[in-house]
Amino acid sequence: MKVSKQVLLTVLATGLLIAPAWSRSMSAATTSNHAQQGPTQPAPAATGSATGKIVAVTDASLSLAVQQGSDPQTQQFIINSDTKIDGKLAVGAMATVEFSTDGGNQIATHISVQSGS
């Protein structure tokens, strides 16, 4: 009986000594794996396109009335030096805008005005 108690206490004591060391080595391995992955990359900007009637235009922006369901919705686009424009931007003309989203802003990358508008 005394021997089995002594064996049990030895096993428990060994477990108590080994568990923290094993935990540290697992934690170090996990940290090492995260360090090897490198910094996280930012998510790519979302892209899309919209077609509708131009309702307002300036040198820096374009507003397009896009039909969504039964009601048109106005979408705003930023025009910058990288925006490619095919055709003449004019209120009332139909246009298709390809855009990317950056920080909540829709940046026009390509505007194509339909001829005959």
PDB file of N, CA and C in Angstrom:
ATOM      1  N   MET A   1       0.819  -1.182   0.000  1.00  0.00           N
ATOM      2  CA  MET A   1       0.000   0.000   0.000  1.00  0.00           C
ATOM      3  C   MET A   1       0.875   1.264   0.000  1.00  0.00           C
ATOM      4  N   LYS A   2       1.936   1.259   0.871  1.00  0.00           N
ATOM      5  CA  LYS A   2       2.823   2.414   0.911  1.00  0.00           C
ATOM      6  C   LYS A   2       3.537   2.618  -0.419  1.00  0.00           C
ATOM      7  N   VAL A   3       3.870   1.545  -1.089  1.00  0.00           N
ATOM      8  CA  VAL A   3       4.579   1.639  -2.360  1.00  0.00           C
ATOM      9  C   VAL A   3       3.668   2.260  -3.423  1.00  0.00           C
ATOM     10  N   SER A   4       2.414   1.854  -3.460  1.00  0.00           N
ATOM     11  CA  SER A   4       1.508   2.419  -4.462  1.00  0.00           C
ATOM     12  C   SER A   4       1.249   3.898  -4.212  1.00  0.00           C
ATOM     13  N   LYS A   5       1.207   4.308  -2.932  1.00  0.00           N
ATOM     14  CA  LYS A   5       1.053   5.734  -2.617  1.00  0.00           C
ATOM     15  C   LYS A   5       2.282   6.503  -3.083  1.00  0.00           C
ATOM     16  N   GLN A   6       3.435   5.914  -2.848  1.00  0.00           N
ATOM     17  CA  GLN A   6       4.676   6.565  -3.231  1.00  0.00           C
ATOM     18  C   GLN A   6       4.780   6.686  -4.761  1.00  0.00           C
ATOM     19  N   VAL A   7       4.360   5.668  -5.484  1.00  0.00           N
ATOM     20  CA  VAL A   7       4.374   5.706  -6.949  1.00  0.00           C
ATOM     21  C   VAL A   7       3.410   6.773  -7.440  1.00  0.00           C
ATOM     22  N   LEU A   8       2.230   6.820  -6.831  1.00  0.00           N
ATOM     23  CA  LEU A   8       1.230   7.817  -7.225  1.00  0.00           C
ATOM     24  C   LEU A   8       1.750   9.234  -6.989  1.00  0.00           C
ATOM     25  N   LEU A   9       2.353   9.471  -5.826  1.00  0.00           N
ATOM     26  CA  LEU A   9       2.896  10.798  -5.537  1.00  0.00           C
ATOM     27  C   LEU A   9       4.033  11.154  -6.493  1.00  0.00           C
ATOM     28  N   THR A  10       4.851  10.177  -6.845  1.00  0.00           N
ATOM     29  CA  THR A  10       5.945  10.418  -7.788  1.00  0.00           C
ATOM     30  C   THR A  10       5.403  10.797  -9.161  1.00  0.00           C
ATOM     31  N   VAL A  11       4.373  10.082  -9.611  1.00  0.00           N
ATOM     32  CA  VAL A  11       3.774  10.377 -10.915  1.00  0.00           C
ATOM     33  C   VAL A  11       3.162  11.775 -10.907  1.00  0.00           C
ATOM     34  N   LEU A  12       2.443  12.129  -9.842  1.00  0.00           N
ATOM     35  CA  LEU A  12       1.836  13.462  -9.749  1.00  0.00           C
ATOM     36  C   LEU A  12       2.904  14.559  -9.713  1.00  0.00           C
ATOM     37  N   ALA A  13       3.949  14.351  -8.923  1.00  0.00           N
ATOM     38  CA  ALA A  13       5.013  15.352  -8.824  1.00  0.00           C
ATOM     39  C   ALA A  13       5.710  15.530 -10.166  1.00  0.00           C
ATOM     40  N   THR A  14       5.963  14.450 -10.850  1.00  0.00           N
ATOM     41  CA  THR A  14       6.594  14.514 -12.168  1.00  0.00           C
ATOM     42  C   THR A  14       5.701  15.276 -13.148  1.00  0.00           C
ATOM     43  N   GLY A  15       4.411  14.978 -13.109  1.00  0.00           N
ATOM     44  CA  GLY A  15       3.459  15.678 -13.976  1.00  0.00           C
ATOM     45  C   GLY A  15       3.442  17.172 -13.708  1.00  0.00           C
ATOM     46  N   LEU A  16       3.495  17.535 -12.423  1.00  0.00           N
ATOM     47  CA  LEU A  16       3.491  18.956 -12.069  1.00  0.00           C
ATOM     48  C   LEU A  16       4.765  19.659 -12.533  1.00  0.00           C
ATOM     49  N   LEU A  17       5.862  18.943 -12.556  1.00  0.00           N
ATOM     50  CA  LEU A  17       7.118  19.538 -13.001  1.00  0.00           C
ATOM     51  C   LEU A  17       7.217  19.607 -14.524  1.00  0.00           C
ATOM     52  N   ILE A  18       6.678  18.615 -15.202  1.00  0.00           N
ATOM     53  CA  ILE A  18       6.793  18.547 -16.658  1.00  0.00           C
ATOM     54  C   ILE A  18       5.777  19.443 -17.362  1.00  0.00           C
ATOM     55  N   ALA A  19       4.582  19.570 -16.824  1.00  0.00           N
ATOM     56  CA  ALA A  19       3.508  20.322 -17.493  1.00  0.00           C
ATOM     57  C   ALA A  19       3.903  21.752 -17.836  1.00  0.00           C
ATOM     58  N   PRO A  20       4.479  22.544 -16.891  1.00  0.00           N
ATOM     59  CA  PRO A  20       4.848  23.925 -17.262  1.00  0.00           C
ATOM     60  C   PRO A  20       5.913  23.975 -18.361  1.00  0.00           C
ATOM     61  N   ALA A  21       6.884  23.075 -18.299  1.00  0.00           N
ATOM     62  CA  ALA A  21       7.929  23.068 -19.323  1.00  0.00           C
ATOM     63  C   ALA A  21       7.344  22.703 -20.683  1.00  0.00           C
ATOM     64  N   TRP A  22       6.453  21.730 -20.716  1.00  0.00           N
ATOM     65  CA  TRP A  22       5.811  21.321 -21.962  1.00  0.00           C
ATOM     66  C   TRP A  22       4.952  22.449 -22.513  1.00  0.00           C
ATOM     67  N   SER A  23       4.260  23.151 -21.626  1.00  0.00           N
ATOM     68  CA  SER A  23       3.414  24.271 -22.041  1.00  0.00           C
ATOM     69  C   SER A  23       4.260  25.373 -22.669  1.00  0.00           C
ATOM     70  N   ARG A  24       5.414  25.680 -22.068  1.00  0.00           N
ATOM     71  CA  ARG A  24       6.288  26.716 -22.615  1.00  0.00           C
ATOM     72  C   ARG A  24       6.819  26.334 -23.985  1.00  0.00           C
ATOM     73  N   SER A  25       7.185  25.069 -24.173  1.00  0.00           N
ATOM     74  CA  SER A  25       7.721  24.662 -25.471  1.00  0.00           C
ATOM     75  C   SER A  25       6.641  24.722 -26.542  1.00  0.00           C
ATOM     76  N   MET A  26       5.395  24.402 -26.206  1.00  0.00           N
ATOM     77  CA  MET A  26       4.298  24.499 -27.169  1.00  0.00           C
ATOM     78  C   MET A  26       4.024  25.959 -27.511  1.00  0.00           C
ATOM     79  N   SER A  27       4.078  26.835 -26.507  1.00  0.00           N
ATOM     80  CA  SER A  27       3.866  28.258 -26.732  1.00  0.00           C
ATOM     81  C   SER A  27       4.959  28.831 -27.628  1.00  0.00           C
ATOM     82  N   ALA A  28       6.194  28.436 -27.400  1.00  0.00           N
ATOM     83  CA  ALA A  28       7.311  28.905 -28.225  1.00  0.00           C
ATOM     84  C   ALA A  28       7.158  28.425 -29.654  1.00  0.00           C
ATOM     85  N   ALA A  29       6.698  27.199 -29.841  1.00  0.00           N
ATOM     86  CA  ALA A  29       6.503  26.665 -31.196  1.00  0.00           C
ATOM     87  C   ALA A  29       5.409  27.443 -31.909  1.00  0.00           C
ATOM     88  N   THR A  30       4.343  27.780 -31.213  1.00  0.00           N
ATOM     89  CA  THR A  30       3.246  28.547 -31.821  1.00  0.00           C
ATOM     90  C   THR A  30       3.723  29.939 -32.191  1.00  0.00           C
ATOM     91  N   THR A  31       4.472  30.588 -31.293  1.00  0.00           N
ATOM     92  CA  THR A  31       5.009  31.917 -31.581  1.00  0.00           C
ATOM     93  C   THR A  31       5.952  31.857 -32.765  1.00  0.00           C
ATOM     94  N   SER A  32       6.772  30.831 -32.828  1.00  0.00           N
ATOM     95  CA  SER A  32       7.700  30.666 -33.937  1.00  0.00           C
ATOM     96  C   SER A  32       6.955  30.524 -35.251  1.00  0.00           C
ATOM     97  N   ASN A  33       5.871  29.758 -35.269  1.00  0.00           N
ATOM     98  CA  ASN A  33       5.082  29.593 -36.493  1.00  0.00           C
ATOM     99  C   ASN A  33       4.485  30.912 -36.941  1.00  0.00           C
ATOM    100  N   HIS A  34       3.997  31.729 -36.010  1.00  0.00           N
ATOM    101  CA  HIS A  34       3.422  33.023 -36.385  1.00  0.00           C
ATOM    102  C   HIS A  34       4.494  33.957 -36.920  1.00  0.00           C
ATOM    103  N   ALA A  35       5.682  33.903 -36.345  1.00  0.00           N
ATOM    104  CA  ALA A  35       6.760  34.777 -36.805  1.00  0.00           C
ATOM    105  C   ALA A  35       7.191  34.406 -38.215  1.00  0.00           C
ATOM    106  N   GLN A  36       7.150  33.132 -38.560  1.00  0.00           N
ATOM    107  CA  GLN A  36       7.564  32.702 -39.882  1.00  0.00           C
ATOM    108  C   GLN A  36       6.573  33.123 -40.957  1.00  0.00           C
ATOM    109  N   GLN A  37       5.308  33.340 -40.600  1.00  0.00           N
ATOM    110  CA  GLN A  37       4.299  33.712 -41.582  1.00  0.00           C
ATOM    111  C   GLN A  37       4.467  35.141 -42.059  1.00  0.00           C
ATOM    112  N   GLY A  38       5.115  35.978 -41.278  1.00  0.00           N
ATOM    113  CA  GLY A  38       5.349  37.356 -41.667  1.00  0.00           C
ATOM    114  C   GLY A  38       4.127  38.214 -41.401  1.00  0.00           C
ATOM    115  N   PRO A  39       4.235  39.493 -41.724  1.00  0.00           N
ATOM    116  CA  PRO A  39       3.112  40.397 -41.467  1.00  0.00           C
ATOM    117  C   PRO A  39       1.924  40.060 -42.368  1.00  0.00           C
ATOM    118  N   THR A  40       0.748  40.340 -41.854  1.00  0.00           N
ATOM    119  CA  THR A  40      -0.441  40.075 -42.655  1.00  0.00           C
ATOM    120  C   THR A  40      -0.542  41.105 -43.774  1.00  0.00           C
ATOM    121  N   GLN A  41      -1.005  40.659 -44.908  1.00  0.00           N
ATOM    122  CA  GLN A  41      -1.159  41.529 -46.072  1.00  0.00           C
ATOM    123  C   GLN A  41      -2.526  42.204 -46.013  1.00  0.00           C
ATOM    124  N   PRO A  42      -2.623  43.480 -46.388  1.00  0.00           N
ATOM    125  CA  PRO A  42      -3.929  44.124 -46.413  1.00  0.00           C
ATOM    126  C   PRO A  42      -4.807  43.484 -47.486  1.00  0.00           C
ATOM    127  N   ALA A  43      -6.082  43.478 -47.228  1.00  0.00           N
ATOM    128  CA  ALA A  43      -7.026  42.911 -48.188  1.00  0.00           C
ATOM    129  C   ALA A  43      -7.020  43.762 -49.461  1.00  0.00           C
ATOM    130  N   PRO A  44      -7.103  43.120 -50.612  1.00  0.00           N
ATOM    131  CA  PRO A  44      -7.138  43.897 -51.844  1.00  0.00           C
ATOM    132  C   PRO A  44      -8.407  44.743 -51.908  1.00  0.00           C
ATOM    133  N   ALA A  45      -8.305  45.863 -52.602  1.00  0.00           N
ATOM    134  CA  ALA A  45      -9.457  46.744 -52.742  1.00  0.00           C
ATOM    135  C   ALA A  45     -10.552  46.048 -53.535  1.00  0.00           C
ATOM    136  N   ALA A  46     -11.794  46.277 -53.140  1.00  0.00           N
ATOM    137  CA  ALA A  46     -12.923  45.704 -53.860  1.00  0.00           C
ATOM    138  C   ALA A  46     -13.097  46.445 -55.177  1.00  0.00           C
ATOM    139  N   THR A  47     -13.551  45.739 -56.189  1.00  0.00           N
ATOM    140  CA  THR A  47     -13.787  46.357 -57.486  1.00  0.00           C
ATOM    141  C   THR A  47     -15.208  46.062 -57.924  1.00  0.00           C
ATOM    142  N   GLY A  48     -15.688  46.837 -58.866  1.00  0.00           N
ATOM    143  CA  GLY A  48     -17.026  46.625 -59.395  1.00  0.00           C
ATOM    144  C   GLY A  48     -17.268  47.513 -60.591  1.00  0.00           C
ATOM    145  N   SER A  49     -18.499  47.467 -61.068  1.00  0.00           N
ATOM    146  CA  SER A  49     -18.884  48.352 -62.162  1.00  0.00           C
ATOM    147  C   SER A  49     -20.339  48.740 -61.986  1.00  0.00           C
ATOM    148  N   ALA A  50     -20.688  49.873 -62.547  1.00  0.00           N
ATOM    149  CA  ALA A  50     -22.060  50.377 -62.475  1.00  0.00           C
ATOM    150  C   ALA A  50     -22.390  51.069 -63.788  1.00  0.00           C
ATOM    151  N   THR A  51     -23.630  50.903 -64.235  1.00  0.00           N
ATOM    152  CA  THR A  51     -24.088  51.558 -65.459  1.00  0.00           C
ATOM    153  C   THR A  51     -25.333  52.362 -65.132  1.00  0.00           C
ATOM    154  N   GLY A  52     -25.358  53.588 -65.642  1.00  0.00           N
ATOM    155  CA  GLY A  52     -26.514  54.438 -65.405  1.00  0.00           C
ATOM    156  C   GLY A  52     -26.371  55.775 -66.093  1.00  0.00           C
ATOM    157  N   LYS A  53     -27.270  56.690 -65.732  1.00  0.00           N
ATOM    158  CA  LYS A  53     -27.298  58.027 -66.327  1.00  0.00           C
ATOM    159  C   LYS A  53     -26.488  58.986 -65.463  1.00  0.00           C
ATOM    160  N   ILE A  54     -25.632  59.774 -66.127  1.00  0.00           N
ATOM    161  CA  ILE A  54     -24.837  60.767 -65.410  1.00  0.00           C
ATOM    162  C   ILE A  54     -25.775  61.877 -64.936  1.00  0.00           C
ATOM    163  N   VAL A  55     -25.768  62.126 -63.609  1.00  0.00           N
ATOM    164  CA  VAL A  55     -26.627  63.184 -63.063  1.00  0.00           C
ATOM    165  C   VAL A  55     -25.829  64.404 -62.619  1.00  0.00           C
ATOM    166  N   ALA A  56     -24.520  64.247 -62.421  1.00  0.00           N
ATOM    167  CA  ALA A  56     -23.659  65.382 -62.086  1.00  0.00           C
ATOM    168  C   ALA A  56     -22.225  64.994 -62.414  1.00  0.00           C
ATOM    169  N   VAL A  57     -21.446  65.978 -62.834  1.00  0.00           N
ATOM    170  CA  VAL A  57     -20.043  65.720 -63.160  1.00  0.00           C
ATOM    171  C   VAL A  57     -19.222  66.975 -62.878  1.00  0.00           C
ATOM    172  N   THR A  58     -18.038  66.767 -62.263  1.00  0.00           N
ATOM    173  CA  THR A  58     -17.048  67.828 -62.077  1.00  0.00           C
ATOM    174  C   THR A  58     -15.705  67.252 -62.519  1.00  0.00           C
ATOM    175  N   ASP A  59     -14.648  68.055 -62.382  1.00  0.00           N
ATOM    176  CA  ASP A  59     -13.316  67.549 -62.724  1.00  0.00           C
ATOM    177  C   ASP A  59     -12.886  66.415 -61.790  1.00  0.00           C
ATOM    178  N   ALA A  60     -13.442  66.370 -60.559  1.00  0.00           N
ATOM    179  CA  ALA A  60     -12.985  65.404 -59.561  1.00  0.00           C
ATOM    180  C   ALA A  60     -14.025  64.349 -59.175  1.00  0.00           C
ATOM    181  N   SER A  61     -15.264  64.464 -59.699  1.00  0.00           N
ATOM    182  CA  SER A  61     -16.270  63.482 -59.295  1.00  0.00           C
ATOM    183  C   SER A  61     -17.334  63.285 -60.362  1.00  0.00           C
ATOM    184  N   LEU A  62     -18.038  62.172 -60.201  1.00  0.00           N
ATOM    185  CA  LEU A  62     -19.118  61.814 -61.125  1.00  0.00           C
ATOM    186  C   LEU A  62     -20.237  61.207 -60.296  1.00  0.00           C
ATOM    187  N   SER A  63     -21.465  61.622 -60.545  1.00  0.00           N
ATOM    188  CA  SER A  63     -22.633  61.024 -59.898  1.00  0.00           C
ATOM    189  C   SER A  63     -23.428  60.312 -60.970  1.00  0.00           C
ATOM    190  N   LEU A  64     -23.779  59.061 -60.692  1.00  0.00           N
ATOM    191  CA  LEU A  64     -24.471  58.208 -61.650  1.00  0.00           C
ATOM    192  C   LEU A  64     -25.755  57.691 -61.025  1.00  0.00           C
ATOM    193  N   ALA A  65     -26.885  57.847 -61.745  1.00  0.00           N
ATOM    194  CA  ALA A  65     -28.159  57.281 -61.289  1.00  0.00           C
ATOM    195  C   ALA A  65     -28.224  55.850 -61.819  1.00  0.00           C
ATOM    196  N   VAL A  66     -28.140  54.884 -60.910  1.00  0.00           N
ATOM    197  CA  VAL A  66     -28.109  53.475 -61.264  1.00  0.00           C
ATOM    198  C   VAL A  66     -29.451  52.853 -60.876  1.00  0.00           C
ATOM    199  N   GLN A  67     -30.078  52.155 -61.807  1.00  0.00           N
ATOM    200  CA  GLN A  67     -31.364  51.517 -61.550  1.00  0.00           C
ATOM    201  C   GLN A  67     -31.154  50.271 -60.695  1.00  0.00           C
ATOM    202  N   GLN A  68     -31.727  50.282 -59.488  1.00  0.00           N
ATOM    203  CA  GLN A  68     -31.676  49.126 -58.596  1.00  0.00           C
ATOM    204  C   GLN A  68     -33.104  48.845 -58.149  1.00  0.00           C
ATOM    205  N   GLY A  69     -33.694  47.814 -58.736  1.00  0.00           N
ATOM    206  CA  GLY A  69     -35.098  47.561 -58.461  1.00  0.00           C
ATOM    207  C   GLY A  69     -35.938  48.575 -59.201  1.00  0.00           C
ATOM    208  N   SER A  70     -36.927  49.119 -58.529  1.00  0.00           N
ATOM    209  CA  SER A  70     -37.805  50.080 -59.194  1.00  0.00           C
ATOM    210  C   SER A  70     -37.328  51.526 -59.033  1.00  0.00           C
ATOM    211  N   ASP A  71     -36.395  51.780 -58.115  1.00  0.00           N
ATOM    212  CA  ASP A  71     -35.930  53.144 -57.864  1.00  0.00           C
ATOM    213  C   ASP A  71     -34.463  53.298 -58.234  1.00  0.00           C
ATOM    214  N   PRO A  72     -34.113  54.414 -58.912  1.00  0.00           N
ATOM    215  CA  PRO A  72     -32.698  54.654 -59.191  1.00  0.00           C
ATOM    216  C   PRO A  72     -31.974  55.086 -57.911  1.00  0.00           C
ATOM    217  N   GLN A  73     -30.746  54.623 -57.752  1.00  0.00           N
ATOM    218  CA  GLN A  73     -29.900  55.015 -56.627  1.00  0.00           C
ATOM    219  C   GLN A  73     -28.722  55.809 -57.192  1.00  0.00           C
ATOM    220  N   THR A  74     -28.362  56.902 -56.522  1.00  0.00           N
ATOM    221  CA  THR A  74     -27.235  57.717 -56.976  1.00  0.00           C
ATOM    222  C   THR A  74     -25.955  57.190 -56.349  1.00  0.00           C
ATOM    223  N   GLN A  75     -24.973  56.941 -57.198  1.00  0.00           N
ATOM    224  CA  GLN A  75     -23.655  56.513 -56.737  1.00  0.00           C
ATOM    225  C   GLN A  75     -22.643  57.589 -57.079  1.00  0.00           C
ATOM    226  N   GLN A  76     -21.751  57.852 -56.138  1.00  0.00           N
ATOM    227  CA  GLN A  76     -20.708  58.861 -56.306  1.00  0.00           C
ATOM    228  C   GLN A  76     -19.384  58.174 -56.616  1.00  0.00           C
ATOM    229  N   PHE A  77     -18.639  58.738 -57.556  1.00  0.00           N
ATOM    230  CA  PHE A  77     -17.336  58.202 -57.926  1.00  0.00           C
ATOM    231  C   PHE A  77     -16.318  59.329 -57.935  1.00  0.00           C
ATOM    232  N   ILE A  78     -15.119  59.039 -57.460  1.00  0.00           N
ATOM    233  CA  ILE A  78     -14.025  60.009 -57.507  1.00  0.00           C
ATOM    234  C   ILE A  78     -13.281  59.815 -58.824  1.00  0.00           C
ATOM    235  N   ILE A  79     -13.003  60.921 -59.498  1.00  0.00           N
ATOM    236  CA  ILE A  79     -12.218  60.915 -60.730  1.00  0.00           C
ATOM    237  C   ILE A  79     -10.844  61.471 -60.375  1.00  0.00           C
ATOM    238  N   ASN A  80      -9.785  60.737 -60.747  1.00  0.00           N
ATOM    239  CA  ASN A  80      -8.432  61.240 -60.483  1.00  0.00           C
ATOM    240  C   ASN A  80      -7.593  61.123 -61.756  1.00  0.00           C
ATOM    241  N   SER A  81      -6.310  61.394 -61.636  1.00  0.00           N
ATOM    242  CA  SER A  81      -5.434  61.395 -62.817  1.00  0.00           C
ATOM    243  C   SER A  81      -5.257  59.993 -63.418  1.00  0.00           C
ATOM    244  N   ASP A  82      -5.577  58.948 -62.658  1.00  0.00           N
ATOM    245  CA  ASP A  82      -5.454  57.580 -63.178  1.00  0.00           C
ATOM    246  C   ASP A  82      -6.735  57.094 -63.865  1.00  0.00           C
ATOM    247  N   THR A  83      -7.814  57.862 -63.772  1.00  0.00           N
ATOM    248  CA  THR A  83      -9.083  57.452 -64.364  1.00  0.00           C
ATOM    249  C   THR A  83      -9.015  57.569 -65.884  1.00  0.00           C
ATOM    250  N   LYS A  84      -9.330  56.479 -66.584  1.00  0.00           N
ATOM    251  CA  LYS A  84      -9.376  56.485 -68.047  1.00  0.00           C
ATOM    252  C   LYS A  84     -10.810  56.819 -68.450  1.00  0.00           C
ATOM    253  N   ILE A  85     -10.976  57.798 -69.343  1.00  0.00           N
ATOM    254  CA  ILE A  85     -12.313  58.234 -69.766  1.00  0.00           C
ATOM    255  C   ILE A  85     -12.434  58.071 -71.270  1.00  0.00           C
ATOM    256  N   ASP A  86     -13.431  57.273 -71.683  1.00  0.00           N
ATOM    257  CA  ASP A  86     -13.748  57.103 -73.107  1.00  0.00           C
ATOM    258  C   ASP A  86     -15.063  57.816 -73.380  1.00  0.00           C
ATOM    259  N   GLY A  87     -14.993  58.864 -74.195  1.00  0.00           N
ATOM    260  CA  GLY A  87     -16.194  59.634 -74.518  1.00  0.00           C
ATOM    261  C   GLY A  87     -16.231  60.936 -73.739  1.00  0.00           C
ATOM    262  N   LYS A  88     -17.325  61.685 -73.948  1.00  0.00           N
ATOM    263  CA  LYS A  88     -17.472  62.988 -73.308  1.00  0.00           C
ATOM    264  C   LYS A  88     -18.437  62.877 -72.131  1.00  0.00           C
ATOM    265  N   LEU A  89     -17.956  63.259 -70.944  1.00  0.00           N
ATOM    266  CA  LEU A  89     -18.800  63.236 -69.754  1.00  0.00           C
ATOM    267  C   LEU A  89     -19.782  64.394 -69.815  1.00  0.00           C
ATOM    268  N   ALA A  90     -21.075  64.070 -69.798  1.00  0.00           N
ATOM    269  CA  ALA A  90     -22.103  65.113 -69.841  1.00  0.00           C
ATOM    270  C   ALA A  90     -23.323  64.632 -69.068  1.00  0.00           C
ATOM    271  N   VAL A  91     -23.954  65.549 -68.351  1.00  0.00           N
ATOM    272  CA  VAL A  91     -25.175  65.217 -67.617  1.00  0.00           C
ATOM    273  C   VAL A  91     -26.217  64.701 -68.607  1.00  0.00           C
ATOM    274  N   GLY A  92     -26.853  63.582 -68.255  1.00  0.00           N
ATOM    275  CA  GLY A  92     -27.871  62.977 -69.098  1.00  0.00           C
ATOM    276  C   GLY A  92     -27.356  61.830 -69.953  1.00  0.00           C
ATOM    277  N   ALA A  93     -26.028  61.741 -70.134  1.00  0.00           N
ATOM    278  CA  ALA A  93     -25.449  60.663 -70.933  1.00  0.00           C
ATOM    279  C   ALA A  93     -25.428  59.370 -70.115  1.00  0.00           C
ATOM    280  N   MET A  94     -25.524  58.247 -70.826  1.00  0.00           N
ATOM    281  CA  MET A  94     -25.399  56.939 -70.188  1.00  0.00           C
ATOM    282  C   MET A  94     -23.918  56.578 -70.126  1.00  0.00           C
ATOM    283  N   ALA A  95     -23.511  55.981 -69.007  1.00  0.00           N
ATOM    284  CA  ALA A  95     -22.100  55.626 -68.839  1.00  0.00           C
ATOM    285  C   ALA A  95     -21.960  54.363 -68.003  1.00  0.00           C
ATOM    286  N   THR A  96     -20.850  53.692 -68.221  1.00  0.00           N
ATOM    287  CA  THR A  96     -20.474  52.554 -67.387  1.00  0.00           C
ATOM    288  C   THR A  96     -19.184  52.935 -66.672  1.00  0.00           C
ATOM    289  N   VAL A  97     -19.182  52.747 -65.357  1.00  0.00           N
ATOM    290  CA  VAL A  97     -18.025  53.104 -64.541  1.00  0.00           C
ATOM    291  C   VAL A  97     -17.461  51.834 -63.909  1.00  0.00           C
ATOM    292  N   GLU A  98     -16.204  51.561 -64.178  1.00  0.00           N
ATOM    293  CA  GLU A  98     -15.481  50.512 -63.466  1.00  0.00           C
ATOM    294  C   GLU A  98     -14.753  51.221 -62.335  1.00  0.00           C
ATOM    295  N   PHE A  99     -14.808  50.626 -61.134  1.00  0.00           N
ATOM    296  CA  PHE A  99     -14.252  51.326 -59.984  1.00  0.00           C
ATOM    297  C   PHE A  99     -13.626  50.358 -58.990  1.00  0.00           C
ATOM    298  N   SER A 100     -12.795  50.938 -58.118  1.00  0.00           N
ATOM    299  CA  SER A 100     -12.259  50.204 -56.970  1.00  0.00           C
ATOM    300  C   SER A 100     -12.693  50.969 -55.724  1.00  0.00           C
ATOM    301  N   THR A 101     -12.819  50.246 -54.630  1.00  0.00           N
ATOM    302  CA  THR A 101     -13.222  50.869 -53.379  1.00  0.00           C
ATOM    303  C   THR A 101     -12.008  50.996 -52.482  1.00  0.00           C
ATOM    304  N   ASP A 102     -11.795  52.194 -51.963  1.00  0.00           N
ATOM    305  CA  ASP A 102     -10.667  52.451 -51.080  1.00  0.00           C
ATOM    306  C   ASP A 102     -11.133  53.333 -49.934  1.00  0.00           C
ATOM    307  N   GLY A 103     -11.121  52.789 -48.742  1.00  0.00           N
ATOM    308  CA  GLY A 103     -11.524  53.576 -47.570  1.00  0.00           C
ATOM    309  C   GLY A 103     -12.954  54.066 -47.642  1.00  0.00           C
ATOM    310  N   GLY A 104     -13.837  53.303 -48.262  1.00  0.00           N
ATOM    311  CA  GLY A 104     -15.237  53.701 -48.369  1.00  0.00           C
ATOM    312  C   GLY A 104     -15.534  54.578 -49.573  1.00  0.00           C
ATOM    313  N   ASN A 105     -14.507  54.996 -50.287  1.00  0.00           N
ATOM    314  CA  ASN A 105     -14.690  55.807 -51.491  1.00  0.00           C
ATOM    315  C   ASN A 105     -14.644  54.922 -52.732  1.00  0.00           C
ATOM    316  N   GLN A 106     -15.491  55.233 -53.696  1.00  0.00           N
ATOM    317  CA  GLN A 106     -15.466  54.530 -54.982  1.00  0.00           C
ATOM    318  C   GLN A 106     -14.632  55.360 -55.954  1.00  0.00           C
ATOM    319  N   ILE A 107     -13.491  54.797 -56.349  1.00  0.00           N
ATOM    320  CA  ILE A 107     -12.561  55.498 -57.235  1.00  0.00           C
ATOM    321  C   ILE A 107     -12.770  54.973 -58.650  1.00  0.00           C
ATOM    322  N   ALA A 108     -13.180  55.860 -59.560  1.00  0.00           N
ATOM    323  CA  ALA A 108     -13.409  55.456 -60.947  1.00  0.00           C
ATOM    324  C   ALA A 108     -12.066  55.122 -61.597  1.00  0.00           C
ATOM    325  N   THR A 109     -11.958  53.908 -62.146  1.00  0.00           N
ATOM    326  CA  THR A 109     -10.737  53.514 -62.848  1.00  0.00           C
ATOM    327  C   THR A 109     -10.921  53.642 -64.359  1.00  0.00           C
ATOM    328  N   HIS A 110     -12.163  53.430 -64.832  1.00  0.00           N
ATOM    329  CA  HIS A 110     -12.466  53.542 -66.253  1.00  0.00           C
ATOM    330  C   HIS A 110     -13.922  53.974 -66.406  1.00  0.00           C
ATOM    331  N   ILE A 111     -14.129  55.023 -67.173  1.00  0.00           N
ATOM    332  CA  ILE A 111     -15.494  55.501 -67.462  1.00  0.00           C
ATOM    333  C   ILE A 111     -15.687  55.415 -68.962  1.00  0.00           C
ATOM    334  N   SER A 112     -16.752  54.746 -69.353  1.00  0.00           N
ATOM    335  CA  SER A 112     -17.063  54.620 -70.768  1.00  0.00           C
ATOM    336  C   SER A 112     -18.456  55.217 -71.007  1.00  0.00           C
ATOM    337  N   VAL A 113     -18.467  56.324 -71.765  1.00  0.00           N
ATOM    338  CA  VAL A 113     -19.740  56.992 -72.083  1.00  0.00           C
ATOM    339  C   VAL A 113     -20.268  56.385 -73.370  1.00  0.00           C
ATOM    340  N   GLN A 114     -21.533  55.932 -73.342  1.00  0.00           N
ATOM    341  CA  GLN A 114     -22.133  55.338 -74.524  1.00  0.00           C
ATOM    342  C   GLN A 114     -22.397  56.422 -75.562  1.00  0.00           C
ATOM    343  N   SER A 115     -22.011  56.150 -76.809  1.00  0.00           N
ATOM    344  CA  SER A 115     -22.261  57.108 -77.880  1.00  0.00           C
ATOM    345  C   SER A 115     -23.750  57.124 -78.205  1.00  0.00           C
ATOM    346  N   GLY A 116     -24.213  58.231 -78.736  1.00  0.00           N
ATOM    347  CA  GLY A 116     -25.636  58.369 -79.072  1.00  0.00           C
ATOM    348  C   GLY A 116     -26.482  58.775 -77.891  1.00  0.00           C
ATOM    349  N   SER A 117     -25.845  59.116 -76.769  1.00  0.00           N
ATOM    350  CA  SER A 117     -26.585  59.542 -75.574  1.00  0.00           C
ATOM    351  C   SER A 117     -26.837  61.009 -75.624  1.00  0.00           C
TER     352      SER A 117
END
